[in-house]
C-alpha atoms as a PDB file:
ATOM      1  CA  MET A   1       0.000   0.000   0.000  1.00  0.00           C
ATOM      2  CA  THR A   2       1.272   3.500  -0.785  1.00  0.00           C
ATOM      3  CA  PRO A   3       1.580   5.717   2.317  1.00  0.00           C
ATOM      4  CA  LEU A   4       0.870   8.794   0.150  1.00  0.00           C
ATOM      5  CA  ARG A   5      -2.435   7.245  -0.895  1.00  0.00           C
ATOM      6  CA  TRP A   6      -3.454   6.847   2.748  1.00  0.00           C
ATOM      7  CA  ARG A   7      -2.311  10.381   3.603  1.00  0.00           C
ATOM      8  CA  LEU A   8      -4.494  11.773   0.823  1.00  0.00           C
ATOM      9  CA  ALA A   9      -7.384   9.691   2.114  1.00  0.00           C
ATOM     10  CA  ALA A  10      -6.776  11.033   5.615  1.00  0.00           C
ATOM     11  CA  LEU A  11      -6.786  14.579   4.188  1.00  0.00           C
ATOM     12  CA  SER A  12     -10.190  13.933   2.627  1.00  0.00           C
ATOM     13  CA  ASP A  13     -11.428  12.841   6.051  1.00  0.00           C
ATOM     14  CA  VAL A  14     -10.206  16.116   7.551  1.00  0.00           C
ATOM     15  CA  LEU A  15     -12.009  18.042   4.817  1.00  0.00           C
ATOM     16  CA  ALA A  16     -15.171  16.058   5.521  1.00  0.00           C
ATOM     17  CA  ALA A  17     -14.878  16.913   9.213  1.00  0.00           C
ATOM     18  CA  ASN A  18     -14.430  20.606   8.354  1.00  0.00           C
ATOM     19  CA  ILE A  19     -17.528  20.501   6.160  1.00  0.00           C
ATOM     20  CA  THR A  20     -19.455  18.888   9.006  1.00  0.00           C
ATOM     21  CA  GLY A  21     -18.307  21.698  11.292  1.00  0.00           C
ATOM     22  CA  TRP A  22     -19.321  24.304   8.709  1.00  0.00           C
ATOM     23  CA  VAL A  23     -22.804  22.804   8.498  1.00  0.00           C
ATOM     24  CA  SER A  24     -23.089  22.955  12.295  1.00  0.00           C
ATOM     25  CA  VAL A  25     -22.296  26.681  12.202  1.00  0.00           C
ATOM     26  CA  GLN A  26     -24.745  27.262   9.355  1.00  0.00           C
ATOM     27  CA  LYS A  27     -27.485  25.560  11.360  1.00  0.00           C
ATOM     28  CA  LYS A  28     -27.205  28.399  13.838  1.00  0.00           C
ATOM     29  CA  THR A  29     -26.918  31.239  11.313  1.00  0.00           C
ATOM     30  CA  GLU A  30     -29.013  29.893   8.408  1.00  0.00           C
ATOM     31  CA  PRO A  31     -31.339  27.263   9.909  1.00  0.00           C
ATOM     32  CA  LYS A  32     -33.922  27.422   7.120  1.00  0.00           C
ATOM     33  CA  ALA A  33     -31.361  26.858   4.360  1.00  0.00           C
ATOM     34  CA  VAL A  34     -29.815  23.882   6.149  1.00  0.00           C
ATOM     35  CA  ALA A  35     -33.248  22.420   6.874  1.00  0.00           C
ATOM     36  CA  SER A  36     -34.062  22.577   3.154  1.00  0.00           C
ATOM     37  CA  LEU A  37     -30.840  20.741   2.301  1.00  0.00           C
ATOM     38  CA  GLU A  38     -31.560  18.050   4.867  1.00  0.00           C
ATOM     39  CA  ARG A  39     -35.054  17.505   3.470  1.00  0.00           C
ATOM     40  CA  LEU A  40     -33.439  16.930   0.066  1.00  0.00           C
ATOM     41  CA  GLY A  41     -31.252  14.199   1.536  1.00  0.00           C
ATOM     42  CA  ALA A  42     -28.154  16.288   2.161  1.00  0.00           C
ATOM     43  CA  ARG A  43     -28.233  15.608   5.906  1.00  0.00           C
ATOM     44  CA  SER A  44     -24.754  15.756   7.390  1.00  0.00           C
ATOM     45  CA  LYS A  45     -23.857  12.710   9.451  1.00  0.00           C
ATOM     46  CA  PRO A  46     -20.338  12.108  10.721  1.00  0.00           C
ATOM     47  CA  ILE A  47     -18.852   8.853   9.448  1.00  0.00           C
ATOM     48  CA  LYS A  48     -17.052   6.676  11.973  1.00  0.00           C
ATOM     49  CA  ALA A  49     -13.310   6.304  11.463  1.00  0.00           C
ATOM     50  CA  ALA A  50     -13.673   2.535  10.987  1.00  0.00           C
ATOM     51  CA  ASP A  51     -16.342   3.038   8.304  1.00  0.00           C
ATOM     52  CA  GLN A  52     -14.115   5.541   6.518  1.00  0.00           C
ATOM     53  CA  LEU A  53     -11.269   3.030   6.540  1.00  0.00           C
ATOM     54  CA  VAL A  54     -13.609   0.312   5.241  1.00  0.00           C
ATOM     55  CA  ARG A  55     -14.419   2.472   2.211  1.00  0.00           C
ATOM     56  CA  GLN A  56     -10.759   3.274   1.621  1.00  0.00           C
ATOM     57  CA  LEU A  57      -9.783  -0.399   1.789  1.00  0.00           C
ATOM     58  CA  VAL A  58     -12.563  -1.398  -0.611  1.00  0.00           C
ATOM     59  CA  ASP A  59     -11.457   1.303  -3.075  1.00  0.00           C
ATOM     60  CA  TYR A  60      -7.865   0.099  -2.736  1.00  0.00           C
ATOM     61  CA  ILE A  61      -8.777  -3.553  -3.391  1.00  0.00           C
ATOM     62  CA  ILE A  62     -10.860  -2.664  -6.461  1.00  0.00           C
ATOM     63  CA  ASP A  63      -8.495  -0.037  -7.900  1.00  0.00           C
ATOM     64  CA  GLU A  64      -5.469  -2.317  -7.506  1.00  0.00           C
ATOM     65  CA  GLY A  65      -7.363  -5.257  -9.018  1.00  0.00           C
ATOM     66  CA  LEU A  66      -6.491  -7.545  -6.111  1.00  0.00           C
ATOM     67  CA  GLU A  67      -7.664 -11.088  -6.781  1.00  0.00           C
ATOM     68  CA  GLU A  68      -9.510 -13.272  -4.302  1.00  0.00           C
ATOM     69  CA  GLY A  69      -6.973 -14.884  -1.983  1.00  0.00           C
ATOM     70  CA  THR A  70      -4.508 -11.965  -2.106  1.00  0.00           C
ATOM     71  CA  ARG A  71      -2.987 -11.268   1.295  1.00  0.00           C
ATOM     72  CA  LEU A  72      -3.425  -7.767   2.682  1.00  0.00           C
ATOM     73  CA  PRO A  73      -0.800  -6.185   4.963  1.00  0.00           C
ATOM     74  CA  PRO A  74      -1.003  -7.336   8.585  1.00  0.00           C
ATOM     75  CA  GLU A  75      -2.829  -5.230  11.144  1.00  0.00           C
ATOM     76  CA  LYS A  76       0.359  -3.656  12.542  1.00  0.00           C
ATOM     77  CA  GLU A  77       1.479  -2.506   9.087  1.00  0.00           C
ATOM     78  CA  MET A  78      -1.964  -1.063   8.315  1.00  0.00           C
ATOM     79  CA  VAL A  79      -1.834   0.955  11.534  1.00  0.00           C
ATOM     80  CA  ALA A  80       1.517   2.444  10.482  1.00  0.00           C
ATOM     81  CA  GLU A  81       0.509   3.159   6.871  1.00  0.00           C
ATOM     82  CA  THR A  82      -2.966   4.550   7.481  1.00  0.00           C
ATOM     83  CA  GLY A  83      -2.220   6.556  10.590  1.00  0.00           C
ATOM     84  CA  ARG A  84      -5.268   4.982  12.245  1.00  0.00           C
ATOM     85  CA  GLY A  85      -5.401   3.517  15.721  1.00  0.00           C
ATOM     86  CA  ARG A  86      -5.122  -0.230  16.236  1.00  0.00           C
ATOM     87  CA  SER A  87      -8.740  -0.499  17.415  1.00  0.00           C
ATOM     88  CA  THR A  88      -9.974   1.377  14.311  1.00  0.00           C
ATOM     89  CA  VAL A  89      -8.035  -0.896  11.948  1.00  0.00           C
ATOM     90  CA  ARG A  90      -9.256  -3.992  13.779  1.00  0.00           C
ATOM     91  CA  GLU A  91     -12.876  -2.812  13.671  1.00  0.00           C
ATOM     92  CA  ALA A  92     -12.580  -2.003   9.954  1.00  0.00           C
ATOM     93  CA  LEU A  93     -11.225  -5.482   9.182  1.00  0.00           C
ATOM     94  CA  LEU A  94     -14.027  -7.122  11.165  1.00  0.00           C
ATOM     95  CA  LEU A  95     -16.581  -5.021   9.270  1.00  0.00           C
ATOM     96  CA  LEU A  96     -15.005  -6.049   5.966  1.00  0.00           C
ATOM     97  CA  GLU A  97     -15.178  -9.684   7.033  1.00  0.00           C
ATOM     98  CA  THR A  98     -18.868  -9.274   7.892  1.00  0.00           C
ATOM     99  CA  LYS A  99     -19.463  -7.712   4.472  1.00  0.00           C
ATOM    100  CA  GLY A 100     -17.681 -10.605   2.759  1.00  0.00           C
ATOM    101  CA  VAL A 101     -14.814  -8.479   1.403  1.00  0.00           C
ATOM    102  CA  VAL A 102     -12.024 -10.110   3.408  1.00  0.00           C
ATOM    103  CA  GLU A 103     -11.457 -13.371   5.219  1.00  0.00           C
ATOM    104  CA  ILE A 104      -9.414 -13.174   8.409  1.00  0.00           C
ATOM    105  CA  ARG A 105      -7.367 -16.360   8.646  1.00  0.00           C
ATOM    106  CA  GLN A 106      -5.917 -17.651  11.881  1.00  0.00           C
ATOM    107  CA  GLY A 107      -2.485 -19.102  12.613  1.00  0.00           C
ATOM    108  CA  ILE A 108       1.103 -18.180  11.815  1.00  0.00           C
ATOM    109  CA  ALA A 109       0.351 -17.549   8.140  1.00  0.00           C
ATOM    110  CA  GLY A 110      -2.964 -15.884   8.981  1.00  0.00           C
ATOM    111  CA  GLY A 111      -4.195 -12.331   8.561  1.00  0.00           C
ATOM    112  CA  PRO A 112      -6.622 -10.516   6.241  1.00  0.00           C
ATOM    113  CA  VAL A 113      -7.098 -12.059   2.803  1.00  0.00           C
ATOM    114  CA  VAL A 114      -9.161 -10.616  -0.057  1.00  0.00           C
ATOM    115  CA  ARG A 115     -12.489 -12.312  -0.713  1.00  0.00           C
ATOM    116  CA  ARG A 116     -14.844 -11.470  -3.567  1.00  0.00           C
ATOM    117  CA  PRO A 117     -18.370 -10.649  -2.331  1.00  0.00           C
ATOM    118  CA  ARG A 118     -21.073 -12.871  -3.804  1.00  0.00           C
ATOM    119  CA  ALA A 119     -24.718 -12.223  -4.616  1.00  0.00           C
ATOM    120  CA  SER A 120     -25.662 -14.918  -2.107  1.00  0.00           C
ATOM    121  CA  ASP A 121     -24.112 -12.718   0.621  1.00  0.00           C
ATOM    122  CA  LEU A 122     -27.084 -10.372   0.178  1.00  0.00           C
ATOM    123  CA  GLY A 123     -29.597 -13.115   0.908  1.00  0.00           C
ATOM    124  CA  GLU A 124     -29.444 -12.906   4.688  1.00  0.00           C
ATOM    125  CA  PRO A 125     -29.482  -9.067   5.020  1.00  0.00           C
ATOM    126  CA  LEU A 126     -32.305  -8.882   2.470  1.00  0.00           C
ATOM    127  CA  THR A 127     -34.239 -11.551   4.351  1.00  0.00           C
ATOM    128  CA  LEU A 128     -33.868  -9.605   7.598  1.00  0.00           C
ATOM    129  CA  VAL A 129     -35.243  -6.427   5.998  1.00  0.00           C
ATOM    130  CA  LEU A 130     -38.185  -8.340   4.523  1.00  0.00           C
ATOM    131  CA  MET A 131     -38.883 -10.104   7.825  1.00  0.00           C
ATOM    132  CA  PHE A 132     -39.037  -6.846   9.763  1.00  0.00           C
ATOM    133  CA  ASP A 133     -41.243  -5.307   7.047  1.00  0.00           C
ATOM    134  CA  GLY A 134     -43.658  -8.226   7.360  1.00  0.00           C
ATOM    135  CA  ALA A 135     -43.182  -9.533   3.803  1.00  0.00           C
ATOM    136  CA  SER A 136     -44.755 -12.881   2.976  1.00  0.00           C
ATOM    137  CA  MET A 137     -43.353 -15.599   0.755  1.00  0.00           C
ATOM    138  CA  LEU A 138     -46.014 -14.601  -1.775  1.00  0.00           C
ATOM    139  CA  ASP A 139     -44.433 -11.137  -1.952  1.00  0.00           C
ATOM    140  CA  VAL A 140     -41.005 -12.679  -2.510  1.00  0.00           C
ATOM    141  CA  MET A 141     -42.235 -15.153  -5.123  1.00  0.00           C
ATOM    142  CA  GLU A 142     -44.161 -12.510  -7.063  1.00  0.00           C
ATOM    143  CA  ALA A 143     -41.125 -10.203  -7.192  1.00  0.00           C
ATOM    144  CA  ARG A 144     -38.886 -13.103  -8.154  1.00  0.00           C
ATOM    145  CA  GLY A 145     -41.305 -14.102 -10.915  1.00  0.00           C
ATOM    146  CA  GLU A 146     -41.314 -10.628 -12.448  1.00  0.00           C
ATOM    147  CA  MET A 147     -37.521 -10.519 -12.409  1.00  0.00           C
ATOM    148  CA  GLU A 148     -37.127 -14.011 -13.884  1.00  0.00           C
ATOM    149  CA  SER A 149     -39.433 -13.200 -16.801  1.00  0.00           C
ATOM    150  CA  LEU A 150     -37.592  -9.918 -17.426  1.00  0.00           C
ATOM    151  CA  ILE A 151     -34.184 -11.606 -17.367  1.00  0.00           C
ATOM    152  CA  THR A 152     -35.325 -14.458 -19.628  1.00  0.00           C
ATOM    153  CA  GLY A 153     -36.444 -11.907 -22.216  1.00  0.00           C
ATOM    154  CA  MET A 154     -33.122 -10.074 -21.961  1.00  0.00           C
ATOM    155  CA  ALA A 155     -31.183 -13.324 -22.308  1.00  0.00           C
ATOM    156  CA  ALA A 156     -32.813 -14.181 -25.642  1.00  0.00           C
ATOM    157  CA  THR A 157     -30.739 -11.644 -27.569  1.00  0.00           C
ATOM    158  CA  GLN A 158     -27.486 -12.275 -25.709  1.00  0.00           C
ATOM    159  CA  ILE A 159     -27.336 -15.971 -24.851  1.00  0.00           C
ATOM    160  CA  LYS A 160     -24.357 -17.913 -26.222  1.00  0.00           C
ATOM    161  CA  GLU A 161     -24.390 -21.267 -27.977  1.00  0.00           C
ATOM    162  CA  LYS A 162     -22.563 -22.982 -25.121  1.00  0.00           C
ATOM    163  CA  GLN A 163     -25.240 -21.706 -22.727  1.00  0.00           C
ATOM    164  CA  LEU A 164     -28.007 -23.059 -24.966  1.00  0.00           C
ATOM    165  CA  LYS A 165     -26.241 -26.438 -24.920  1.00  0.00           C
ATOM    166  CA  ALA A 166     -25.951 -26.241 -21.125  1.00  0.00           C
ATOM    167  CA  LEU A 167     -29.705 -25.573 -20.878  1.00  0.00           C
ATOM    168  CA  ALA A 168     -30.454 -28.581 -23.091  1.00  0.00           C
ATOM    169  CA  ALA A 169     -28.166 -30.769 -20.960  1.00  0.00           C
ATOM    170  CA  SER A 170     -29.912 -29.532 -17.812  1.00  0.00           C
ATOM    171  CA  ILE A 171     -33.309 -30.490 -19.221  1.00  0.00           C
ATOM    172  CA  GLU A 172     -32.016 -33.986 -19.981  1.00  0.00           C
ATOM    173  CA  ARG A 173     -30.812 -34.336 -16.393  1.00  0.00           C
ATOM    174  CA  GLN A 174     -34.208 -33.161 -15.154  1.00  0.00           C
ATOM    175  CA  LYS A 175     -35.856 -35.913 -17.181  1.00  0.00           C
ATOM    176  CA  GLU A 176     -33.352 -38.474 -15.944  1.00  0.00           C
ATOM    177  CA  HIS A 177     -33.917 -37.596 -12.276  1.00  0.00           C
ATOM    178  CA  ILE A 178     -37.579 -36.643 -12.416  1.00  0.00           C
ATOM    179  CA  GLU A 179     -38.427 -39.033  -9.580  1.00  0.00           C
ATOM    180  CA  ASN A 180     -35.687 -37.720  -7.282  1.00  0.00           C
ATOM    181  CA  ARG A 181     -37.078 -34.534  -5.708  1.00  0.00           C
ATOM    182  CA  ASP A 182     -33.779 -33.069  -4.468  1.00  0.00           C
ATOM    183  CA  ILE A 183     -31.802 -33.662  -7.657  1.00  0.00           C
ATOM    184  CA  PHE A 184     -34.697 -32.452  -9.815  1.00  0.00           C
ATOM    185  CA  LEU A 185     -35.079 -29.192  -7.845  1.00  0.00           C
ATOM    186  CA  GLN A 186     -31.338 -28.579  -7.892  1.00  0.00           C
ATOM    187  CA  GLU A 187     -31.212 -29.117 -11.652  1.00  0.00           C
ATOM    188  CA  SER A 188     -34.154 -26.763 -12.113  1.00  0.00           C
ATOM    189  CA  ARG A 189     -32.196 -24.102 -10.212  1.00  0.00           C
ATOM    190  CA  VAL A 190     -29.183 -24.741 -12.450  1.00  0.00           C
ATOM    191  CA  PHE A 191     -31.402 -24.197 -15.513  1.00  0.00           C
ATOM    192  CA  HIS A 192     -32.573 -20.792 -14.277  1.00  0.00           C
ATOM    193  CA  ALA A 193     -29.070 -19.827 -13.100  1.00  0.00           C
ATOM    194  CA  ILE A 194     -27.756 -20.330 -16.652  1.00  0.00           C
ATOM    195  CA  ILE A 195     -30.463 -18.033 -18.023  1.00  0.00           C
ATOM    196  CA  ASN A 196     -29.741 -15.469 -15.312  1.00  0.00           C
ATOM    197  CA  GLU A 197     -26.057 -15.487 -16.244  1.00  0.00           C
ATOM    198  CA  ALA A 198     -26.928 -15.130 -19.937  1.00  0.00           C
ATOM    199  CA  GLY A 199     -28.880 -11.923 -19.270  1.00  0.00           C
ATOM    200  CA  LEU A 200     -25.521 -10.118 -18.904  1.00  0.00           C
ATOM    201  CA  ASN A 201     -26.949  -7.503 -16.525  1.00  0.00           C
ATOM    202  CA  VAL A 202     -25.026  -7.642 -13.281  1.00  0.00           C
ATOM    203  CA  VAL A 203     -27.688  -5.705 -11.328  1.00  0.00           C
ATOM    204  CA  THR A 204     -30.605  -7.983 -12.220  1.00  0.00           C
ATOM    205  CA  ARG A 205     -28.404 -11.063 -11.748  1.00  0.00           C
ATOM    206  CA  VAL A 206     -27.326 -10.046  -8.252  1.00  0.00           C
ATOM    207  CA  LEU A 207     -30.843  -9.035  -7.170  1.00  0.00           C
ATOM    208  CA  LEU A 208     -32.402 -12.241  -8.472  1.00  0.00           C
ATOM    209  CA  GLU A 209     -29.755 -14.429  -6.821  1.00  0.00           C
ATOM    210  CA  ALA A 210     -30.370 -12.608  -3.528  1.00  0.00           C
ATOM    211  CA  LEU A 211     -34.129 -13.191  -3.832  1.00  0.00           C
ATOM    212  CA  GLN A 212     -33.547 -16.847  -4.663  1.00  0.00           C
ATOM    213  CA  ASN A 213     -31.345 -17.149  -1.589  1.00  0.00           C
ATOM    214  CA  THR A 214     -34.121 -15.629   0.530  1.00  0.00           C
ATOM    215  CA  THR A 215     -36.553 -18.157  -0.930  1.00  0.00           C
ATOM    216  CA  HIS A 216     -34.318 -21.103  -0.075  1.00  0.00           C
ATOM    217  CA  MET A 217     -33.811 -19.891   3.512  1.00  0.00           C
ATOM    218  CA  THR A 218     -37.462 -19.267   4.359  1.00  0.00           C
ATOM    219  CA  MET A 219     -39.719 -21.141   1.957  1.00  0.00           C
ATOM    220  CA  VAL A 220     -42.213 -23.668   3.295  1.00  0.00           C
ATOM    221  CA  ALA A 221     -41.100 -27.076   1.985  1.00  0.00           C
ATOM    222  CA  ILE A 222     -43.672 -28.834  -0.180  1.00  0.00           C
ATOM    223  CA  GLU A 223     -43.729 -31.997  -2.258  1.00  0.00           C
ATOM    224  CA  TYR A 224     -43.929 -31.516  -6.027  1.00  0.00           C
ATOM    225  CA  SER A 225     -46.040 -34.143  -7.773  1.00  0.00           C
ATOM    226  CA  LEU A 226     -44.725 -36.080 -10.754  1.00  0.00           C
ATOM    227  CA  SER A 227     -47.229 -34.339 -13.038  1.00  0.00           C
ATOM    228  CA  HIS A 228     -46.023 -30.921 -11.848  1.00  0.00           C
ATOM    229  CA  ARG A 229     -42.407 -31.878 -12.504  1.00  0.00           C
ATOM    230  CA  GLN A 230     -43.377 -32.962 -16.013  1.00  0.00           C
ATOM    231  CA  LYS A 231     -45.038 -29.554 -16.489  1.00  0.00           C
ATOM    232  CA  VAL A 232     -41.838 -27.845 -15.328  1.00  0.00           C
ATOM    233  CA  ILE A 233     -39.794 -29.780 -17.891  1.00  0.00           C
ATOM    234  CA  SER A 234     -42.283 -28.893 -20.627  1.00  0.00           C
ATOM    235  CA  ASP A 235     -42.035 -25.193 -19.707  1.00  0.00           C
ATOM    236  CA  HIS A 236     -38.252 -25.375 -19.716  1.00  0.00           C
ATOM    237  CA  GLU A 237     -38.286 -26.927 -23.187  1.00  0.00           C
ATOM    238  CA  GLU A 238     -40.515 -24.099 -24.451  1.00  0.00           C
ATOM    239  CA  MET A 239     -38.206 -21.517 -22.892  1.00  0.00           C
ATOM    240  CA  LEU A 240     -35.202 -23.139 -24.534  1.00  0.00           C
ATOM    241  CA  ALA A 241     -36.961 -23.093 -27.916  1.00  0.00           C
ATOM    242  CA  ALA A 242     -37.743 -19.370 -27.569  1.00  0.00           C
ATOM    243  CA  LEU A 243     -34.190 -18.586 -26.478  1.00  0.00           C
ATOM    244  CA  THR A 244     -32.749 -20.601 -29.364  1.00  0.00           C
ATOM    245  CA  ALA A 245     -34.974 -18.620 -31.750  1.00  0.00           C
ATOM    246  CA  ARG A 246     -33.760 -15.375 -30.107  1.00  0.00           C
ATOM    247  CA  ASP A 247     -37.409 -14.445 -29.498  1.00  0.00           C
ATOM    248  CA  GLY A 248     -37.243 -12.235 -26.425  1.00  0.00           C
ATOM    249  CA  GLU A 249     -40.957 -11.461 -26.210  1.00  0.00           C
ATOM    250  CA  ARG A 250     -41.965 -15.106 -26.395  1.00  0.00           C
ATOM    251  CA  ALA A 251     -39.249 -16.126 -23.932  1.00  0.00           C
ATOM    252  CA  ARG A 252     -40.481 -13.478 -21.478  1.00  0.00           C
ATOM    253  CA  LYS A 253     -44.107 -14.599 -21.877  1.00  0.00           C
ATOM    254  CA  ILE A 254     -43.291 -18.294 -21.346  1.00  0.00           C
ATOM    255  CA  ALA A 255     -41.151 -17.495 -18.301  1.00  0.00           C
ATOM    256  CA  LYS A 256     -43.925 -15.381 -16.775  1.00  0.00           C
ATOM    257  CA  GLU A 257     -46.502 -18.135 -17.299  1.00  0.00           C
ATOM    258  CA  HIS A 258     -44.046 -20.709 -15.940  1.00  0.00           C
ATOM    259  CA  VAL A 259     -43.496 -18.753 -12.727  1.00  0.00           C
ATOM    260  CA  ALA A 260     -47.227 -18.038 -12.347  1.00  0.00           C
ATOM    261  CA  SER A 261     -47.979 -21.750 -12.709  1.00  0.00           C
ATOM    262  CA  GLY A 262     -45.352 -22.635 -10.113  1.00  0.00           C
ATOM    263  CA  LEU A 263     -46.642 -19.983  -7.717  1.00  0.00           C
ATOM    264  CA  LYS A 264     -50.217 -21.211  -8.086  1.00  0.00           C
ATOM    265  CA  TYR A 265     -49.137 -24.786  -7.322  1.00  0.00           C
ATOM    266  CA  TRP A 266     -47.057 -23.683  -4.345  1.00  0.00           C
ATOM    267  CA  LYS A 267     -49.940 -21.595  -2.914  1.00  0.00           C
ATOM    268  CA  LYS A 268     -52.238 -24.598  -3.215  1.00  0.00           C
ATOM    269  CA  MET A 269     -49.801 -26.940  -1.459  1.00  0.00           C
ATOM    270  CA  ALA A 270     -48.618 -24.460   1.200  1.00  0.00           C
ATOM    271  CA  GLY A 271     -52.155 -23.468   2.144  1.00  0.00           C
ATOM    272  CA  PRO A 272     -52.632 -20.623   4.672  1.00  0.00           C
ATOM    273  CA  GLN A 273     -48.882 -20.548   5.375  1.00  0.00           C
ATOM    274  CA  ALA A 274     -48.314 -18.956   1.965  1.00  0.00           C
ATOM    275  CA  ALA A 275     -49.548 -15.580   3.231  1.00  0.00           C
ATOM    276  CA  ASN A 276     -47.679 -15.717   6.550  1.00  0.00           C
ATOM    277  CA  PRO A 277     -44.748 -13.330   7.130  1.00  0.00           C
ATOM    278  CA  ILE A 278     -41.492 -15.055   6.231  1.00  0.00           C
ATOM    279  CA  ARG A 279     -39.337 -16.499   9.005  1.00  0.00           C
ATOM    280  CA  TRP A 280     -36.110 -18.464   9.307  1.00  0.00           C
ATOM    281  CA  SER A 281     -36.583 -22.193   9.015  1.00  0.00           C
ATOM    282  CA  THR A 282     -35.293 -22.609  12.604  1.00  0.00           C
ATOM    283  CA  ARG A 283     -36.850 -21.129  15.730  1.00  0.00           C
ATOM    284  CA  LEU A 284     -35.878 -20.662  19.368  1.00  0.00           C
ATOM    285  CA  PRO A 285     -37.090 -23.314  21.828  1.00  0.00           C
ATOM    286  CA  SER A 286     -40.422 -22.299  23.369  1.00  0.00           C
ATOM    287  CA  SER A 287     -38.740 -22.170  26.799  1.00  0.00           C
ATOM    288  CA  MET A 288     -36.620 -19.208  25.615  1.00  0.00           C
ATOM    289  CA  LYS A 289     -39.567 -17.123  24.448  1.00  0.00           C
ATOM    290  CA  ARG A 290     -41.114 -14.540  26.748  1.00  0.00           C
END
């Protein structure tokens, strides 16, 4: 890490602190003007030193193109180079580990190591937000359905031949394992993951993967009948045909009908639980509840 880079970052922090102080003064002399800025979202909130360092470290990792598994300088060296206190550096590293940006390894050869955040990392935070907002699995499934149909339409004009072959191979495996619930469901997820990847839009891909992760963590388990699995395979074959023909509108329509059919079946099998607010699949023992 370049000490000059950290010194410049520290200077920006000082400037931010000065701006915060200026706003405090303006609140006394020009309260109406400051109030208007705050209503527009320009509210001044001091950023903790550890959070500032987190942002600087993330920028450094991205700007330097550090690959997953790259070792970062040890804590002591970071303290010297950043001019931050030991507790601030330690807190920043723990925050980065929580966010999935670094992995802190133990032992003689341990220390902070770069990790690439994954879309699945968003599943748990997203689930928590939805749980506290009282969202039901129906809400999640409906949103997921809209996104899947959108992405399938987008994929039609961008999907590659090798991805079309992978979809065809997935369908064959679904047919082969149609009587094995776990393998069939996993292969169905693989099918949709290939389409999601083919959409080439990183935002929709990440959001859909996060929603799928929420579904897997909280969804009421049901048994899918053989006839329903056959219907799923038939829908997948129609989707593949539309994608092969590069027909985005038809691919989107088939995907939307496919998701609607699956949601209808799930609602029927889940019964009243379908409308319940989502929860983790595990609960505290009743003796711990008050």
